[in-house]
């Protein structure tokens, strides 16, 4: 699972940086690289990043448990 966690985190960081570029400069890096927002490859990347975000929800209990152990 550690490998899957690392992949999900990496893709979430890429997705977050893409949103940062969209928010600051109205520049969609994923769309630019893969042929526009409606290109099938861009849509696949968007879906994969979204699935990684859903997968990352499993980390919330781990974060809250770590905080309790430190106290």
C-alpha atoms as a PDB file:
ATOM      1  CA  UNK A   1       0.000   0.000   0.000  1.00  0.00           C
ATOM      2  CA  UNK A   2       2.894   2.365   0.586  1.00  0.00           C
ATOM      3  CA  UNK A   3       3.589   2.512  -3.172  1.00  0.00           C
ATOM      4  CA  UNK A   4      -0.056   3.286  -3.930  1.00  0.00           C
ATOM      5  CA  UNK A   5      -0.053   5.956  -1.205  1.00  0.00           C
ATOM      6  CA  UNK A   6       3.041   7.580  -2.747  1.00  0.00           C
ATOM      7  CA  UNK A   7       1.532   7.526  -6.241  1.00  0.00           C
ATOM      8  CA  UNK A   8      -1.712   9.045  -4.966  1.00  0.00           C
ATOM      9  CA  UNK A   9       0.177  11.758  -3.106  1.00  0.00           C
ATOM     10  CA  UNK A  10       2.291  12.588  -6.161  1.00  0.00           C
ATOM     11  CA  UNK A  11      -0.754  12.861  -8.399  1.00  0.00           C
ATOM     12  CA  UNK A  12      -2.555  15.012  -5.830  1.00  0.00           C
ATOM     13  CA  UNK A  13       0.414  17.369  -5.726  1.00  0.00           C
ATOM     14  CA  UNK A  14       0.409  17.584  -9.524  1.00  0.00           C
ATOM     15  CA  UNK A  15      -3.338  18.249  -9.479  1.00  0.00           C
ATOM     16  CA  UNK A  16      -2.934  20.892  -6.785  1.00  0.00           C
ATOM     17  CA  UNK A  17      -0.207  22.652  -8.738  1.00  0.00           C
ATOM     18  CA  UNK A  18      -2.394  22.563 -11.838  1.00  0.00           C
ATOM     19  CA  UNK A  19      -5.209  24.234  -9.861  1.00  0.00           C
ATOM     20  CA  UNK A  20      -2.731  26.813  -8.578  1.00  0.00           C
ATOM     21  CA  UNK A  21      -1.781  27.671 -12.160  1.00  0.00           C
ATOM     22  CA  UNK A  22      -5.433  27.868 -13.164  1.00  0.00           C
ATOM     23  CA  UNK A  23      -6.252  30.150 -10.216  1.00  0.00           C
ATOM     24  CA  UNK A  24      -3.318  32.495 -10.626  1.00  0.00           C
ATOM     25  CA  UNK A  25      -2.746  32.576 -14.368  1.00  0.00           C
ATOM     26  CA  UNK A  26      -5.799  30.906 -15.965  1.00  0.00           C
ATOM     27  CA  UNK A  27      -3.350  28.354 -17.411  1.00  0.00           C
ATOM     28  CA  UNK A  28      -4.319  24.670 -17.422  1.00  0.00           C
ATOM     29  CA  UNK A  29      -1.056  22.735 -17.692  1.00  0.00           C
ATOM     30  CA  UNK A  30      -2.772  19.352 -18.091  1.00  0.00           C
ATOM     31  CA  UNK A  31      -4.882  20.652 -20.975  1.00  0.00           C
ATOM     32  CA  UNK A  32      -1.841  22.250 -22.579  1.00  0.00           C
ATOM     33  CA  UNK A  33       0.226  19.076 -22.404  1.00  0.00           C
ATOM     34  CA  UNK A  34      -2.504  16.638 -23.422  1.00  0.00           C
ATOM     35  CA  UNK A  35      -4.395  18.559 -26.097  1.00  0.00           C
ATOM     36  CA  UNK A  36      -7.106  20.639 -24.446  1.00  0.00           C
ATOM     37  CA  UNK A  37      -9.662  20.126 -21.701  1.00  0.00           C
ATOM     38  CA  UNK A  38     -11.925  18.040 -23.911  1.00  0.00           C
ATOM     39  CA  UNK A  39      -9.173  15.715 -25.159  1.00  0.00           C
ATOM     40  CA  UNK A  40      -9.655  12.153 -23.960  1.00  0.00           C
ATOM     41  CA  UNK A  41      -6.169  11.995 -22.438  1.00  0.00           C
ATOM     42  CA  UNK A  42      -6.794  15.167 -20.419  1.00  0.00           C
ATOM     43  CA  UNK A  43     -10.081  13.761 -19.156  1.00  0.00           C
ATOM     44  CA  UNK A  44      -8.332  10.549 -18.118  1.00  0.00           C
ATOM     45  CA  UNK A  45      -5.738  12.545 -16.156  1.00  0.00           C
ATOM     46  CA  UNK A  46      -8.479  14.611 -14.466  1.00  0.00           C
ATOM     47  CA  UNK A  47     -10.354  11.425 -13.492  1.00  0.00           C
ATOM     48  CA  UNK A  48      -7.202   9.740 -12.140  1.00  0.00           C
ATOM     49  CA  UNK A  49      -6.341  12.788 -10.026  1.00  0.00           C
ATOM     50  CA  UNK A  50      -9.931  12.889  -8.733  1.00  0.00           C
ATOM     51  CA  UNK A  51      -9.798   9.199  -7.830  1.00  0.00           C
ATOM     52  CA  UNK A  52      -6.539   9.823  -5.981  1.00  0.00           C
ATOM     53  CA  UNK A  53      -8.284  12.552  -3.995  1.00  0.00           C
ATOM     54  CA  UNK A  54     -11.033  10.110  -3.019  1.00  0.00           C
ATOM     55  CA  UNK A  55      -8.407   7.511  -2.094  1.00  0.00           C
ATOM     56  CA  UNK A  56      -6.586  10.085   0.060  1.00  0.00           C
ATOM     57  CA  UNK A  57      -9.680  10.492   2.257  1.00  0.00           C
ATOM     58  CA  UNK A  58      -8.479   7.362   4.059  1.00  0.00           C
ATOM     59  CA  UNK A  59      -5.646   9.427   5.571  1.00  0.00           C
ATOM     60  CA  UNK A  60      -7.897  11.605   7.758  1.00  0.00           C
ATOM     61  CA  UNK A  61      -8.308   8.978  10.508  1.00  0.00           C
ATOM     62  CA  UNK A  62      -4.550   8.389  10.465  1.00  0.00           C
ATOM     63  CA  UNK A  63      -3.876  12.102  10.930  1.00  0.00           C
ATOM     64  CA  UNK A  64      -6.324  12.426  13.817  1.00  0.00           C
ATOM     65  CA  UNK A  65      -4.942   9.313  15.525  1.00  0.00           C
ATOM     66  CA  UNK A  66      -1.372  10.622  15.206  1.00  0.00           C
ATOM     67  CA  UNK A  67      -2.418  13.863  16.907  1.00  0.00           C
ATOM     68  CA  UNK A  68      -3.913  11.967  19.823  1.00  0.00           C
ATOM     69  CA  UNK A  69      -0.769   9.911  20.327  1.00  0.00           C
ATOM     70  CA  UNK A  70       1.401  13.039  20.544  1.00  0.00           C
ATOM     71  CA  UNK A  71      -0.617  14.547  23.401  1.00  0.00           C
END
